[in-house]
Amino acid sequence: MEHSAHIALADHIRARRIKKQDFARLVGVRSEQLSRWLAGSVKPERSARILISIVTDGVVKPEDW
């Protein structure tokens, strides 16, 4: 599911009406890094994938990337 994790994350952020900069802060990265993840051009490190899973209540799992 590597191709869809970034889409699921973008959908989650949009559906929850979370500002991208606020989500980036929640997972400990700069908004520029989050933008790369959302574009699918960069895969988050394992620790960030775990945090993403926690913050999204398991909607985007670490193994989805």
C-alpha atoms as a PDB file:
ATOM      1  CA  MET A   1       0.000   0.000   0.000  1.00  0.00           C
ATOM      2  CA  GLU A   2       3.010   2.278  -0.279  1.00  0.00           C
ATOM      3  CA  HIS A   3       1.353   4.348  -2.976  1.00  0.00           C
ATOM      4  CA  SER A   4      -1.682   5.187  -0.866  1.00  0.00           C
ATOM      5  CA  ALA A   5      -0.308   5.999   2.604  1.00  0.00           C
ATOM      6  CA  HIS A   6       0.466   9.587   1.676  1.00  0.00           C
ATOM      7  CA  ILE A   7      -3.012   9.962   0.178  1.00  0.00           C
ATOM      8  CA  ALA A   8      -4.638   8.511   3.300  1.00  0.00           C
ATOM      9  CA  LEU A   9      -2.631  10.916   5.438  1.00  0.00           C
ATOM     10  CA  ALA A  10      -3.629  13.897   3.293  1.00  0.00           C
ATOM     11  CA  ASP A  11      -7.266  12.808   3.455  1.00  0.00           C
ATOM     12  CA  HIS A  12      -7.067  12.448   7.242  1.00  0.00           C
ATOM     13  CA  ILE A  13      -5.566  15.916   7.673  1.00  0.00           C
ATOM     14  CA  ARG A  14      -8.158  17.445   5.354  1.00  0.00           C
ATOM     15  CA  ALA A  15     -11.125  15.618   6.928  1.00  0.00           C
ATOM     16  CA  ARG A  16     -10.087  16.666  10.441  1.00  0.00           C
ATOM     17  CA  ARG A  17      -9.485  20.240   9.270  1.00  0.00           C
ATOM     18  CA  ILE A  18      -6.047  20.198  10.835  1.00  0.00           C
ATOM     19  CA  LYS A  19      -3.579  22.800   9.626  1.00  0.00           C
ATOM     20  CA  LYS A  20      -0.606  21.125   8.002  1.00  0.00           C
ATOM     21  CA  GLN A  21       1.782  23.071  10.203  1.00  0.00           C
ATOM     22  CA  ASP A  22      -0.063  21.845  13.311  1.00  0.00           C
ATOM     23  CA  PHE A  23       0.062  18.226  12.158  1.00  0.00           C
ATOM     24  CA  ALA A  24       3.763  18.588  11.377  1.00  0.00           C
ATOM     25  CA  ARG A  25       4.331  19.887  14.892  1.00  0.00           C
ATOM     26  CA  LEU A  26       2.432  16.899  16.348  1.00  0.00           C
ATOM     27  CA  VAL A  27       4.809  14.453  14.670  1.00  0.00           C
ATOM     28  CA  GLY A  28       7.912  16.565  15.287  1.00  0.00           C
ATOM     29  CA  VAL A  29       8.834  17.701  11.789  1.00  0.00           C
ATOM     30  CA  ARG A  30       8.838  20.927   9.816  1.00  0.00           C
ATOM     31  CA  SER A  31       5.912  21.600   7.526  1.00  0.00           C
ATOM     32  CA  GLU A  32       8.242  21.295   4.510  1.00  0.00           C
ATOM     33  CA  GLN A  33       8.980  17.688   5.481  1.00  0.00           C
ATOM     34  CA  LEU A  34       5.283  16.940   5.884  1.00  0.00           C
ATOM     35  CA  SER A  35       4.685  18.368   2.411  1.00  0.00           C
ATOM     36  CA  ARG A  36       7.224  15.905   0.981  1.00  0.00           C
ATOM     37  CA  TRP A  37       5.414  13.031   2.691  1.00  0.00           C
ATOM     38  CA  LEU A  38       2.040  14.204   1.429  1.00  0.00           C
ATOM     39  CA  ALA A  39       3.403  14.474  -2.112  1.00  0.00           C
ATOM     40  CA  GLY A  40       4.671  10.903  -1.859  1.00  0.00           C
ATOM     41  CA  SER A  41       8.205  11.946  -2.753  1.00  0.00           C
ATOM     42  CA  VAL A  42       9.719  10.963   0.606  1.00  0.00           C
ATOM     43  CA  LYS A  43       8.883   8.099   2.954  1.00  0.00           C
ATOM     44  CA  PRO A  44       8.837   9.061   6.655  1.00  0.00           C
ATOM     45  CA  GLU A  45      11.370   7.430   8.947  1.00  0.00           C
ATOM     46  CA  ARG A  46      10.042   4.581  11.074  1.00  0.00           C
ATOM     47  CA  SER A  47       9.754   6.725  14.213  1.00  0.00           C
ATOM     48  CA  ALA A  48       7.697   9.301  12.296  1.00  0.00           C
ATOM     49  CA  ARG A  49       5.494   6.554  10.803  1.00  0.00           C
ATOM     50  CA  ILE A  50       4.761   5.332  14.323  1.00  0.00           C
ATOM     51  CA  LEU A  51       3.832   8.844  15.460  1.00  0.00           C
ATOM     52  CA  ILE A  52       1.649   9.305  12.383  1.00  0.00           C
ATOM     53  CA  SER A  53      -0.175   6.098  13.288  1.00  0.00           C
ATOM     54  CA  ILE A  54      -0.726   7.300  16.849  1.00  0.00           C
ATOM     55  CA  VAL A  55      -1.878  10.783  15.835  1.00  0.00           C
ATOM     56  CA  THR A  56      -4.245   9.406  13.161  1.00  0.00           C
ATOM     57  CA  ASP A  57      -5.674   6.794  15.566  1.00  0.00           C
ATOM     58  CA  GLY A  58      -4.345   4.019  13.345  1.00  0.00           C
ATOM     59  CA  VAL A  59      -5.866   5.312  10.121  1.00  0.00           C
ATOM     60  CA  VAL A  60      -2.372   5.466   8.584  1.00  0.00           C
ATOM     61  CA  LYS A  61      -0.303   2.566   9.905  1.00  0.00           C
ATOM     62  CA  PRO A  62       3.514   2.391   9.859  1.00  0.00           C
ATOM     63  CA  GLU A  63       3.440  -0.577   7.488  1.00  0.00           C
ATOM     64  CA  ASP A  64       1.234   1.296   5.010  1.00  0.00           C
ATOM     65  CA  TRP A  65       4.244   3.232   3.764  1.00  0.00           C
END
